[in-house]
N, C-alpha and C. Protein backbone atom coordinates (compact mmCIF):
# COMPACT_ATOMS: atom_id res chain seq x y z
N MET A 1 0.82 -1.20 0.00
CA MET A 1 0.00 0.00 0.00
C MET A 1 0.86 1.25 0.00
N LYS A 2 1.95 1.20 0.81
CA LYS A 2 2.83 2.37 0.84
C LYS A 2 3.50 2.57 -0.51
N ASN A 3 3.84 1.43 -1.18
CA ASN A 3 4.48 1.58 -2.49
C ASN A 3 3.56 2.28 -3.48
N LEU A 4 2.24 2.08 -3.34
CA LEU A 4 1.29 2.73 -4.22
C LEU A 4 1.41 4.24 -4.12
N LYS A 5 1.73 4.74 -2.92
CA LYS A 5 1.88 6.18 -2.72
C LYS A 5 2.96 6.73 -3.64
N TYR A 6 4.05 5.98 -3.80
CA TYR A 6 5.14 6.44 -4.64
C TYR A 6 4.78 6.37 -6.11
N VAL A 7 4.01 5.33 -6.51
CA VAL A 7 3.57 5.24 -7.89
C VAL A 7 2.72 6.45 -8.25
N VAL A 8 1.73 6.74 -7.39
CA VAL A 8 0.85 7.89 -7.64
C VAL A 8 1.65 9.18 -7.67
N GLY A 9 2.58 9.34 -6.74
CA GLY A 9 3.40 10.55 -6.69
C GLY A 9 4.20 10.73 -7.95
N ILE A 10 4.79 9.66 -8.45
CA ILE A 10 5.60 9.74 -9.66
C ILE A 10 4.74 10.13 -10.85
N LEU A 11 3.57 9.52 -10.97
CA LEU A 11 2.68 9.85 -12.08
C LEU A 11 2.24 11.30 -12.02
N CYS A 12 1.96 11.79 -10.80
CA CYS A 12 1.55 13.20 -10.63
C CYS A 12 2.66 14.14 -11.05
N ILE A 13 3.90 13.83 -10.64
CA ILE A 13 5.04 14.67 -11.01
C ILE A 13 5.19 14.70 -12.52
N GLY A 14 5.07 13.53 -13.14
CA GLY A 14 5.18 13.47 -14.59
C GLY A 14 4.14 14.32 -15.27
N ALA A 15 2.91 14.26 -14.77
CA ALA A 15 1.83 15.04 -15.37
C ALA A 15 2.06 16.53 -15.20
N ILE A 16 2.53 16.93 -14.00
CA ILE A 16 2.79 18.35 -13.74
C ILE A 16 3.89 18.87 -14.65
N ILE A 17 4.98 18.10 -14.76
CA ILE A 17 6.09 18.53 -15.60
C ILE A 17 5.65 18.65 -17.05
N ALA A 18 4.86 17.67 -17.49
CA ALA A 18 4.40 17.71 -18.88
C ALA A 18 3.56 18.94 -19.15
N SER A 19 2.75 19.35 -18.16
CA SER A 19 1.85 20.48 -18.35
C SER A 19 2.58 21.80 -18.38
N CYS A 20 3.87 21.81 -18.01
CA CYS A 20 4.63 23.06 -17.97
C CYS A 20 5.16 23.46 -19.35
N GLY A 21 4.99 22.61 -20.35
CA GLY A 21 5.49 22.92 -21.67
C GLY A 21 4.64 23.95 -22.38
N ASP A 22 4.98 24.25 -23.61
CA ASP A 22 4.25 25.20 -24.43
C ASP A 22 2.83 24.69 -24.64
N ASN A 23 1.82 25.52 -24.39
CA ASN A 23 0.43 25.10 -24.53
C ASN A 23 0.12 24.60 -25.92
N SER A 24 0.84 25.08 -26.91
CA SER A 24 0.58 24.68 -28.28
C SER A 24 1.08 23.27 -28.57
N ASN A 25 1.82 22.70 -27.68
CA ASN A 25 2.40 21.37 -27.91
C ASN A 25 1.72 20.32 -27.06
N LYS A 26 0.41 20.51 -26.80
CA LYS A 26 -0.31 19.55 -25.97
C LYS A 26 -0.58 18.28 -26.77
N GLY A 27 -1.38 17.39 -26.19
CA GLY A 27 -1.74 16.16 -26.90
C GLY A 27 -0.61 15.17 -26.91
N THR A 28 -0.15 14.82 -28.11
CA THR A 28 0.87 13.79 -28.25
C THR A 28 2.14 14.15 -27.54
N ASN A 29 2.57 15.42 -27.65
CA ASN A 29 3.81 15.82 -27.01
C ASN A 29 3.72 15.70 -25.49
N GLU A 30 2.57 16.09 -24.92
CA GLU A 30 2.42 15.99 -23.47
C GLU A 30 2.47 14.53 -23.02
N LEU A 31 1.82 13.66 -23.80
CA LEU A 31 1.84 12.24 -23.46
C LEU A 31 3.27 11.71 -23.52
N LYS A 32 3.99 12.11 -24.54
CA LYS A 32 5.38 11.67 -24.68
C LYS A 32 6.21 12.16 -23.50
N ASN A 33 6.02 13.43 -23.12
CA ASN A 33 6.78 13.99 -22.00
C ASN A 33 6.45 13.27 -20.71
N THR A 34 5.17 12.94 -20.52
CA THR A 34 4.77 12.24 -19.30
C THR A 34 5.41 10.86 -19.23
N VAL A 35 5.42 10.16 -20.37
CA VAL A 35 6.04 8.84 -20.40
C VAL A 35 7.52 8.93 -20.08
N GLU A 36 8.19 9.95 -20.65
CA GLU A 36 9.61 10.13 -20.36
C GLU A 36 9.83 10.42 -18.88
N ALA A 37 8.91 11.17 -18.28
CA ALA A 37 9.07 11.55 -16.88
C ALA A 37 8.96 10.37 -15.94
N VAL A 38 8.28 9.30 -16.36
CA VAL A 38 8.10 8.15 -15.46
C VAL A 38 8.93 6.94 -15.88
N ASN A 39 9.89 7.14 -16.77
CA ASN A 39 10.71 6.02 -17.23
C ASN A 39 11.42 5.32 -16.09
N ASP A 40 11.80 6.08 -15.07
CA ASP A 40 12.54 5.49 -13.96
C ASP A 40 11.63 5.13 -12.79
N ALA A 41 10.35 5.04 -13.02
CA ALA A 41 9.41 4.72 -11.93
C ALA A 41 9.74 3.37 -11.30
N LYS A 42 10.09 2.40 -12.12
CA LYS A 42 10.38 1.06 -11.60
C LYS A 42 11.53 1.11 -10.59
N LYS A 43 12.57 1.88 -10.92
CA LYS A 43 13.70 1.99 -10.01
C LYS A 43 13.29 2.62 -8.69
N VAL A 44 12.46 3.67 -8.76
CA VAL A 44 12.01 4.34 -7.55
C VAL A 44 11.19 3.38 -6.69
N ILE A 45 10.33 2.58 -7.33
CA ILE A 45 9.50 1.63 -6.59
C ILE A 45 10.39 0.60 -5.89
N ASN A 46 11.43 0.14 -6.60
CA ASN A 46 12.33 -0.86 -6.02
C ASN A 46 13.08 -0.31 -4.82
N ASP A 47 13.22 1.01 -4.79
CA ASP A 47 13.92 1.63 -3.66
C ASP A 47 12.97 2.02 -2.53
N ALA A 48 11.70 1.62 -2.65
CA ALA A 48 10.69 2.07 -1.69
C ALA A 48 11.02 1.66 -0.26
N THR A 49 11.56 0.46 -0.08
CA THR A 49 11.88 -0.01 1.27
C THR A 49 12.92 0.89 1.92
N SER A 50 13.95 1.24 1.14
CA SER A 50 14.99 2.13 1.65
C SER A 50 14.42 3.50 1.99
N ILE A 51 13.51 3.98 1.15
CA ILE A 51 12.89 5.28 1.40
C ILE A 51 12.07 5.26 2.67
N GLN A 52 11.32 4.19 2.86
CA GLN A 52 10.48 4.08 4.06
C GLN A 52 11.33 4.02 5.33
N GLU A 53 12.46 3.35 5.25
CA GLU A 53 13.36 3.30 6.41
C GLU A 53 13.91 4.69 6.71
N SER A 54 14.26 5.42 5.65
CA SER A 54 14.77 6.79 5.83
C SER A 54 13.69 7.68 6.44
N GLU A 55 12.44 7.50 6.01
CA GLU A 55 11.35 8.30 6.55
C GLU A 55 11.13 8.02 8.03
N GLU A 56 11.27 6.77 8.42
CA GLU A 56 11.12 6.43 9.84
C GLU A 56 12.19 7.14 10.68
N GLU A 57 13.40 7.21 10.14
CA GLU A 57 14.47 7.91 10.86
C GLU A 57 14.18 9.40 10.95
N LEU A 58 13.65 9.97 9.89
CA LEU A 58 13.31 11.40 9.90
C LEU A 58 12.24 11.71 10.94
N ARG A 59 11.28 10.83 11.10
CA ARG A 59 10.20 11.06 12.08
C ARG A 59 10.74 11.15 13.50
N LYS A 60 11.88 10.51 13.74
CA LYS A 60 12.47 10.52 15.07
C LYS A 60 13.27 11.80 15.35
N LYS A 61 13.59 12.54 14.30
CA LYS A 61 14.41 13.74 14.45
C LYS A 61 13.55 14.94 14.87
N ILE A 62 14.20 15.92 15.49
CA ILE A 62 13.53 17.14 15.91
C ILE A 62 13.70 18.21 14.83
N PRO A 63 12.61 18.80 14.34
CA PRO A 63 12.73 19.84 13.31
C PRO A 63 13.54 21.04 13.79
N LEU A 64 14.16 21.74 12.84
CA LEU A 64 14.94 22.92 13.19
C LEU A 64 14.03 24.02 13.76
N THR A 65 14.60 24.82 14.64
CA THR A 65 13.87 25.93 15.24
C THR A 65 14.08 27.21 14.42
N LYS A 66 13.32 28.24 14.73
CA LYS A 66 13.49 29.53 14.06
C LYS A 66 14.89 30.08 14.28
N ASP A 67 15.39 29.95 15.51
CA ASP A 67 16.73 30.46 15.81
C ASP A 67 17.79 29.74 15.00
N GLN A 68 17.64 28.43 14.81
CA GLN A 68 18.61 27.68 14.02
C GLN A 68 18.58 28.13 12.56
N TYR A 69 17.40 28.35 12.01
CA TYR A 69 17.32 28.85 10.64
C TYR A 69 17.97 30.22 10.53
N ARG A 70 17.72 31.09 11.50
CA ARG A 70 18.29 32.44 11.45
C ARG A 70 19.81 32.39 11.55
N THR A 71 20.35 31.47 12.32
CA THR A 71 21.80 31.31 12.44
C THR A 71 22.42 30.92 11.11
N TRP A 72 21.73 30.05 10.39
CA TRP A 72 22.27 29.54 9.12
C TRP A 72 22.06 30.49 7.95
N LEU A 73 20.94 31.15 7.88
CA LEU A 73 20.51 31.85 6.67
C LEU A 73 21.54 32.90 6.22
N PRO A 74 22.09 32.76 5.00
CA PRO A 74 23.07 33.73 4.52
C PRO A 74 22.49 35.13 4.37
N GLU A 75 23.29 36.15 4.63
CA GLU A 75 22.86 37.54 4.46
C GLU A 75 22.89 37.96 2.99
N ASN A 76 23.72 37.26 2.20
CA ASN A 76 23.84 37.58 0.78
C ASN A 76 24.00 36.30 -0.03
N LEU A 77 23.48 36.31 -1.25
CA LEU A 77 23.74 35.28 -2.24
C LEU A 77 24.19 35.98 -3.51
N LEU A 78 25.35 35.55 -4.04
CA LEU A 78 25.99 36.29 -5.12
C LEU A 78 26.19 37.72 -4.62
N ASP A 79 25.74 38.71 -5.35
CA ASP A 79 25.85 40.09 -4.85
C ASP A 79 24.50 40.65 -4.44
N LEU A 80 23.55 39.75 -4.17
CA LEU A 80 22.20 40.17 -3.81
C LEU A 80 22.00 40.07 -2.29
N SER A 81 21.37 41.09 -1.73
CA SER A 81 21.13 41.13 -0.29
C SER A 81 19.81 40.47 0.07
N LEU A 82 19.76 39.91 1.29
CA LEU A 82 18.54 39.34 1.82
C LEU A 82 17.51 40.45 2.03
N THR A 83 16.34 40.34 1.40
CA THR A 83 15.33 41.38 1.49
C THR A 83 14.12 40.97 2.32
N SER A 84 13.85 39.68 2.42
CA SER A 84 12.71 39.23 3.23
C SER A 84 12.89 37.76 3.61
N THR A 85 12.32 37.41 4.76
CA THR A 85 12.32 36.02 5.21
C THR A 85 10.95 35.68 5.79
N ARG A 86 10.62 34.40 5.74
CA ARG A 86 9.40 33.91 6.36
C ARG A 86 9.69 32.53 6.95
N LEU A 87 9.38 32.37 8.23
CA LEU A 87 9.59 31.10 8.91
C LEU A 87 8.24 30.54 9.34
N ASP A 88 7.89 29.39 8.79
CA ASP A 88 6.63 28.73 9.12
C ASP A 88 6.97 27.47 9.91
N ILE A 89 7.03 27.61 11.22
CA ILE A 89 7.47 26.54 12.10
C ILE A 89 6.31 26.15 13.02
N GLY A 90 6.07 24.86 13.13
CA GLY A 90 5.01 24.39 14.03
C GLY A 90 3.89 23.71 13.29
N GLN A 91 3.07 22.96 14.02
CA GLN A 91 1.95 22.23 13.46
C GLN A 91 2.39 21.29 12.34
N GLY A 92 3.55 20.68 12.54
CA GLY A 92 4.05 19.71 11.57
C GLY A 92 4.80 20.30 10.41
N ASN A 93 4.95 21.63 10.35
CA ASN A 93 5.67 22.28 9.26
C ASN A 93 7.00 22.85 9.75
N GLY A 94 7.97 22.82 8.86
CA GLY A 94 9.25 23.44 9.14
C GLY A 94 9.77 24.04 7.84
N ILE A 95 9.32 25.26 7.53
CA ILE A 95 9.62 25.87 6.23
C ILE A 95 10.30 27.23 6.44
N CYS A 96 11.40 27.41 5.73
CA CYS A 96 12.11 28.69 5.74
C CYS A 96 12.13 29.23 4.31
N SER A 97 11.60 30.42 4.13
CA SER A 97 11.59 31.06 2.81
C SER A 97 12.38 32.36 2.89
N ALA A 98 13.17 32.64 1.86
CA ALA A 98 13.98 33.85 1.84
C ALA A 98 14.06 34.39 0.43
N THR A 99 14.11 35.72 0.32
CA THR A 99 14.24 36.37 -0.98
C THR A 99 15.45 37.29 -0.95
N TYR A 100 16.24 37.21 -2.01
CA TYR A 100 17.42 38.07 -2.18
C TYR A 100 17.21 38.87 -3.47
N GLY A 101 17.58 40.14 -3.45
CA GLY A 101 17.35 40.91 -4.65
C GLY A 101 18.15 42.18 -4.76
N LYS A 102 18.27 42.64 -6.01
CA LYS A 102 18.87 43.94 -6.32
C LYS A 102 18.36 44.33 -7.71
N GLY A 103 17.61 45.40 -7.79
CA GLY A 103 17.01 45.78 -9.07
C GLY A 103 16.04 44.70 -9.53
N ASN A 104 16.19 44.28 -10.79
CA ASN A 104 15.33 43.22 -11.32
C ASN A 104 15.85 41.82 -11.03
N ARG A 105 17.06 41.72 -10.53
CA ARG A 105 17.66 40.41 -10.27
C ARG A 105 17.14 39.88 -8.92
N ARG A 106 16.82 38.60 -8.90
CA ARG A 106 16.16 38.06 -7.71
C ARG A 106 16.46 36.57 -7.55
N ILE A 107 16.60 36.15 -6.28
CA ILE A 107 16.74 34.74 -5.93
C ILE A 107 15.75 34.44 -4.81
N GLN A 108 14.92 33.44 -5.02
CA GLN A 108 13.98 32.99 -3.99
C GLN A 108 14.36 31.58 -3.55
N VAL A 109 14.48 31.40 -2.25
CA VAL A 109 14.89 30.12 -1.68
C VAL A 109 13.83 29.62 -0.71
N MET A 110 13.49 28.35 -0.81
CA MET A 110 12.60 27.73 0.17
C MET A 110 13.22 26.43 0.65
N ILE A 111 13.31 26.28 1.96
CA ILE A 111 13.82 25.06 2.59
C ILE A 111 12.68 24.41 3.36
N ILE A 112 12.47 23.12 3.14
CA ILE A 112 11.47 22.36 3.88
C ILE A 112 12.19 21.28 4.68
N ASP A 113 11.99 21.28 5.98
CA ASP A 113 12.63 20.30 6.86
C ASP A 113 11.81 19.00 6.85
N GLY A 114 12.48 17.89 6.55
CA GLY A 114 11.80 16.60 6.52
C GLY A 114 11.71 15.91 7.86
N ALA A 115 12.18 16.57 8.92
CA ALA A 115 12.17 15.94 10.25
C ALA A 115 10.79 16.07 10.89
N GLY A 116 10.53 15.18 11.87
CA GLY A 116 9.27 15.24 12.60
C GLY A 116 8.21 14.34 12.00
N GLU A 117 7.07 14.28 12.65
CA GLU A 117 6.03 13.33 12.25
C GLU A 117 5.51 13.59 10.84
N ARG A 118 5.30 14.86 10.47
CA ARG A 118 4.76 15.18 9.16
C ARG A 118 5.85 15.54 8.14
N GLY A 119 7.08 15.65 8.59
CA GLY A 119 8.17 16.07 7.72
C GLY A 119 8.38 15.22 6.48
N PRO A 120 8.44 13.89 6.61
CA PRO A 120 8.69 13.06 5.43
C PRO A 120 7.67 13.27 4.31
N GLY A 121 6.41 13.46 4.69
CA GLY A 121 5.40 13.72 3.67
C GLY A 121 5.59 15.06 3.00
N ASN A 122 6.11 16.04 3.76
CA ASN A 122 6.31 17.38 3.21
C ASN A 122 7.42 17.43 2.17
N VAL A 123 8.38 16.50 2.25
CA VAL A 123 9.52 16.53 1.33
C VAL A 123 9.49 15.40 0.30
N SER A 124 8.47 14.54 0.34
CA SER A 124 8.46 13.34 -0.50
C SER A 124 8.48 13.67 -2.00
N THR A 125 7.79 14.73 -2.40
CA THR A 125 7.76 15.10 -3.82
C THR A 125 9.16 15.43 -4.32
N TYR A 126 9.93 16.13 -3.50
CA TYR A 126 11.30 16.49 -3.88
C TYR A 126 12.18 15.26 -3.96
N ARG A 127 12.05 14.37 -2.98
CA ARG A 127 12.85 13.14 -2.98
C ARG A 127 12.63 12.36 -4.28
N MET A 128 11.37 12.19 -4.65
CA MET A 128 11.06 11.41 -5.85
C MET A 128 11.49 12.13 -7.12
N ALA A 129 11.26 13.44 -7.18
CA ALA A 129 11.60 14.20 -8.39
C ALA A 129 13.09 14.14 -8.68
N VAL A 130 13.91 14.30 -7.66
CA VAL A 130 15.36 14.30 -7.85
C VAL A 130 15.86 12.92 -8.28
N ASN A 131 15.19 11.86 -7.82
CA ASN A 131 15.63 10.51 -8.15
C ASN A 131 15.16 10.03 -9.52
N MET A 132 14.34 10.82 -10.21
CA MET A 132 13.89 10.46 -11.56
C MET A 132 14.77 11.14 -12.60
N GLU A 133 15.31 10.36 -13.53
CA GLU A 133 16.08 10.93 -14.62
C GLU A 133 15.12 11.58 -15.62
N LEU A 134 15.44 12.79 -16.03
CA LEU A 134 14.52 13.54 -16.87
C LEU A 134 15.28 14.46 -17.80
N ASN A 135 14.82 14.54 -19.05
CA ASN A 135 15.43 15.46 -20.01
C ASN A 135 14.37 15.85 -21.03
N MET A 136 13.77 17.02 -20.84
CA MET A 136 12.73 17.52 -21.74
C MET A 136 13.07 18.94 -22.16
N GLU A 137 12.74 19.27 -23.40
CA GLU A 137 13.02 20.62 -23.89
C GLU A 137 12.05 20.97 -25.00
N ASN A 138 11.62 22.22 -25.01
CA ASN A 138 10.90 22.77 -26.16
C ASN A 138 11.47 24.15 -26.42
N GLU A 139 10.84 24.90 -27.33
CA GLU A 139 11.42 26.17 -27.73
C GLU A 139 11.39 27.21 -26.62
N ASN A 140 10.56 27.00 -25.59
CA ASN A 140 10.42 28.00 -24.53
C ASN A 140 11.06 27.62 -23.21
N SER A 141 11.33 26.33 -23.00
CA SER A 141 11.81 25.91 -21.68
C SER A 141 12.47 24.55 -21.75
N TYR A 142 13.17 24.21 -20.67
CA TYR A 142 13.67 22.84 -20.52
C TYR A 142 13.60 22.45 -19.07
N THR A 143 13.57 21.15 -18.84
CA THR A 143 13.69 20.57 -17.51
C THR A 143 14.58 19.34 -17.63
N LYS A 144 15.58 19.24 -16.77
CA LYS A 144 16.51 18.12 -16.89
C LYS A 144 17.10 17.75 -15.54
N SER A 145 17.58 16.51 -15.46
CA SER A 145 18.35 16.07 -14.31
C SER A 145 19.77 16.58 -14.47
N SER A 146 20.31 17.12 -13.41
CA SER A 146 21.63 17.73 -13.50
C SER A 146 22.35 17.60 -12.17
N GLU A 147 23.54 18.16 -12.11
CA GLU A 147 24.31 18.21 -10.87
C GLU A 147 24.97 19.57 -10.78
N ILE A 148 24.76 20.23 -9.65
CA ILE A 148 25.33 21.56 -9.44
C ILE A 148 26.02 21.57 -8.09
N ALA A 149 27.28 21.96 -8.08
CA ALA A 149 28.08 21.99 -6.84
C ALA A 149 28.06 20.62 -6.16
N GLY A 150 28.08 19.56 -6.97
CA GLY A 150 28.12 18.20 -6.42
C GLY A 150 26.80 17.69 -5.88
N ILE A 151 25.70 18.40 -6.14
CA ILE A 151 24.38 18.02 -5.62
C ILE A 151 23.46 17.69 -6.79
N LYS A 152 22.74 16.57 -6.69
CA LYS A 152 21.76 16.22 -7.71
C LYS A 152 20.62 17.22 -7.69
N VAL A 153 20.24 17.72 -8.86
CA VAL A 153 19.16 18.70 -8.94
C VAL A 153 18.25 18.38 -10.11
N LYS A 154 17.03 18.84 -10.01
CA LYS A 154 16.13 18.91 -11.14
C LYS A 154 16.16 20.37 -11.58
N GLU A 155 16.75 20.62 -12.74
CA GLU A 155 16.99 21.98 -13.21
C GLU A 155 16.00 22.34 -14.31
N GLY A 156 15.36 23.47 -14.16
CA GLY A 156 14.44 23.96 -15.19
C GLY A 156 14.79 25.38 -15.59
N TYR A 157 14.41 25.74 -16.81
CA TYR A 157 14.67 27.10 -17.28
C TYR A 157 13.54 27.55 -18.18
N ASN A 158 12.96 28.69 -17.87
CA ASN A 158 11.96 29.33 -18.72
C ASN A 158 12.66 30.43 -19.50
N LYS A 159 12.84 30.21 -20.78
CA LYS A 159 13.63 31.13 -21.60
C LYS A 159 12.95 32.49 -21.76
N THR A 160 11.64 32.49 -21.85
CA THR A 160 10.91 33.74 -22.04
C THR A 160 11.02 34.65 -20.83
N ALA A 161 10.87 34.07 -19.64
CA ALA A 161 10.88 34.86 -18.40
C ALA A 161 12.28 34.96 -17.80
N ASP A 162 13.25 34.23 -18.36
CA ASP A 162 14.62 34.18 -17.81
C ASP A 162 14.61 33.76 -16.34
N ILE A 163 13.94 32.64 -16.07
CA ILE A 163 13.82 32.11 -14.72
C ILE A 163 14.40 30.69 -14.67
N TYR A 164 15.37 30.49 -13.79
CA TYR A 164 15.87 29.15 -13.50
C TYR A 164 15.16 28.63 -12.25
N SER A 165 14.89 27.34 -12.23
CA SER A 165 14.33 26.71 -11.04
C SER A 165 15.13 25.45 -10.73
N LEU A 166 15.47 25.28 -9.47
CA LEU A 166 16.25 24.13 -9.01
C LEU A 166 15.49 23.43 -7.89
N MET A 167 15.37 22.11 -8.00
CA MET A 167 14.80 21.29 -6.94
C MET A 167 15.87 20.33 -6.43
N MET A 168 16.03 20.25 -5.12
CA MET A 168 17.03 19.37 -4.53
C MET A 168 16.45 18.66 -3.31
N PHE A 169 17.04 17.53 -2.98
CA PHE A 169 16.74 16.86 -1.72
C PHE A 169 18.08 16.61 -1.06
N TYR A 170 18.40 17.42 -0.06
CA TYR A 170 19.76 17.45 0.48
C TYR A 170 19.87 16.72 1.81
N GLY A 171 20.94 15.94 1.93
CA GLY A 171 21.25 15.29 3.20
C GLY A 171 20.17 14.32 3.65
N GLU A 172 19.42 13.76 2.70
CA GLU A 172 18.34 12.83 3.04
C GLU A 172 17.35 13.44 4.04
N ARG A 173 17.21 14.78 3.99
CA ARG A 173 16.32 15.45 4.94
C ARG A 173 15.65 16.70 4.38
N PHE A 174 16.40 17.57 3.73
CA PHE A 174 15.89 18.90 3.38
C PHE A 174 15.49 19.00 1.90
N ALA A 175 14.25 19.42 1.67
CA ALA A 175 13.83 19.79 0.33
C ALA A 175 14.27 21.24 0.09
N VAL A 176 14.89 21.47 -1.05
CA VAL A 176 15.40 22.81 -1.38
C VAL A 176 14.81 23.23 -2.72
N ASP A 177 14.18 24.38 -2.73
CA ASP A 177 13.57 24.91 -3.94
C ASP A 177 14.12 26.32 -4.19
N ILE A 178 14.74 26.52 -5.35
CA ILE A 178 15.33 27.82 -5.67
C ILE A 178 14.80 28.30 -7.00
N LYS A 179 14.41 29.56 -7.06
CA LYS A 179 14.01 30.19 -8.31
C LYS A 179 14.78 31.49 -8.46
N THR A 180 15.29 31.72 -9.66
CA THR A 180 16.08 32.93 -9.91
C THR A 180 15.48 33.72 -11.08
N HIS A 181 15.76 35.01 -11.08
CA HIS A 181 15.35 35.87 -12.18
C HIS A 181 16.52 36.74 -12.58
N GLU A 182 16.87 36.69 -13.86
CA GLU A 182 17.99 37.45 -14.42
C GLU A 182 19.31 37.09 -13.75
N ILE A 183 19.49 35.79 -13.48
CA ILE A 183 20.76 35.24 -12.99
C ILE A 183 21.33 34.36 -14.09
N GLU A 184 22.63 34.50 -14.37
CA GLU A 184 23.26 33.71 -15.43
C GLU A 184 23.44 32.26 -14.98
N HIS A 185 23.38 31.35 -15.96
CA HIS A 185 23.56 29.92 -15.63
C HIS A 185 24.91 29.67 -14.98
N GLU A 186 25.93 30.39 -15.43
CA GLU A 186 27.27 30.20 -14.88
C GLU A 186 27.34 30.57 -13.40
N GLN A 187 26.36 31.31 -12.89
CA GLN A 187 26.37 31.73 -11.49
C GLN A 187 25.64 30.74 -10.56
N LEU A 188 24.96 29.76 -11.13
CA LEU A 188 24.16 28.86 -10.30
C LEU A 188 25.03 28.06 -9.32
N GLU A 189 26.17 27.59 -9.78
CA GLU A 189 27.02 26.80 -8.90
C GLU A 189 27.51 27.64 -7.72
N GLN A 190 27.97 28.85 -7.99
CA GLN A 190 28.40 29.73 -6.90
C GLN A 190 27.26 30.01 -5.94
N MET A 191 26.07 30.22 -6.47
CA MET A 191 24.90 30.50 -5.64
C MET A 191 24.61 29.33 -4.70
N VAL A 192 24.64 28.10 -5.22
CA VAL A 192 24.37 26.93 -4.39
C VAL A 192 25.46 26.75 -3.33
N GLU A 193 26.70 27.00 -3.71
CA GLU A 193 27.80 26.89 -2.75
C GLU A 193 27.64 27.91 -1.62
N GLU A 194 27.26 29.13 -1.97
CA GLU A 194 27.09 30.18 -0.96
C GLU A 194 25.89 29.91 -0.05
N LEU A 195 24.94 29.12 -0.52
CA LEU A 195 23.80 28.78 0.31
C LEU A 195 24.22 27.90 1.50
N ASN A 196 25.34 27.21 1.34
CA ASN A 196 25.96 26.45 2.44
C ASN A 196 24.99 25.45 3.07
N LEU A 197 24.50 24.53 2.23
CA LEU A 197 23.57 23.51 2.71
C LEU A 197 24.24 22.52 3.67
N GLU A 198 25.54 22.38 3.56
CA GLU A 198 26.26 21.49 4.48
C GLU A 198 26.12 21.98 5.92
N GLU A 199 26.23 23.30 6.10
CA GLU A 199 26.06 23.87 7.43
C GLU A 199 24.62 23.67 7.93
N LEU A 200 23.66 23.86 7.04
CA LEU A 200 22.27 23.65 7.40
C LEU A 200 22.05 22.21 7.89
N SER A 201 22.63 21.27 7.16
CA SER A 201 22.44 19.85 7.49
C SER A 201 23.09 19.47 8.80
N SER A 202 24.09 20.25 9.22
CA SER A 202 24.83 19.92 10.46
C SER A 202 24.18 20.50 11.72
N LEU A 203 23.15 21.33 11.57
CA LEU A 203 22.53 21.97 12.74
C LEU A 203 21.77 20.97 13.60
C-alpha cells in the first residue's frame, strides 16, 4: 500500500512537468513527455523499502527551530542582499523562505525540513523528483536532471521569463527549492555553494 503512494506521486510529477510545456504542444507531445518523466518509476519503486526506512528515521528527528534557521541563513547570495524572510514553524511544518534581490535580479529560496512526524510527507515530492532521470526541452523551456556543486538537482529554465528553477533533496532530509530571475547559468554553482547547505544539514 505504501508503495502505491510512490507510484501515484511519480505519475503526478510526470503530469505536472508535462503540463509546464508550451500550450501549443499539448496532446501527443504531453503524453510523450509524461512517459519520459516516469521512465525510472520502476527503479524508484524498487527503492521504496529504503525510502520508508529513511522516513522512519526522519520522524524521530527534531525539526529545526526559528533560531537555528536564522543562524544559518546567509545575508547575501551572489551580490544580492537578503530582502525578506518567512519562517513557518510548528503544526508539523518546518519551512524557511527567503528572498534576495537587487534591481530586477532576484533569488527565492525555500527550505522544507523533513524531520518530525509530518516532515517526510512534506519533502516526498522532492525526494522522488530528484531521483527520476529527466530530459525535456521545447522552444520556450527545458527541464533536466543535472548536478550543481556536487548536488543532484532537477533543473528547469523558462527562456521567455529568464527564470531558473532548481529542486534538490539534500542530506536525506531537506527539500530545497530555488528560483532565480535574471541570474546567469554560470552563477548557479556559486549560488548553491554560498547557500551552504552542508552547514544547514549539520545543525
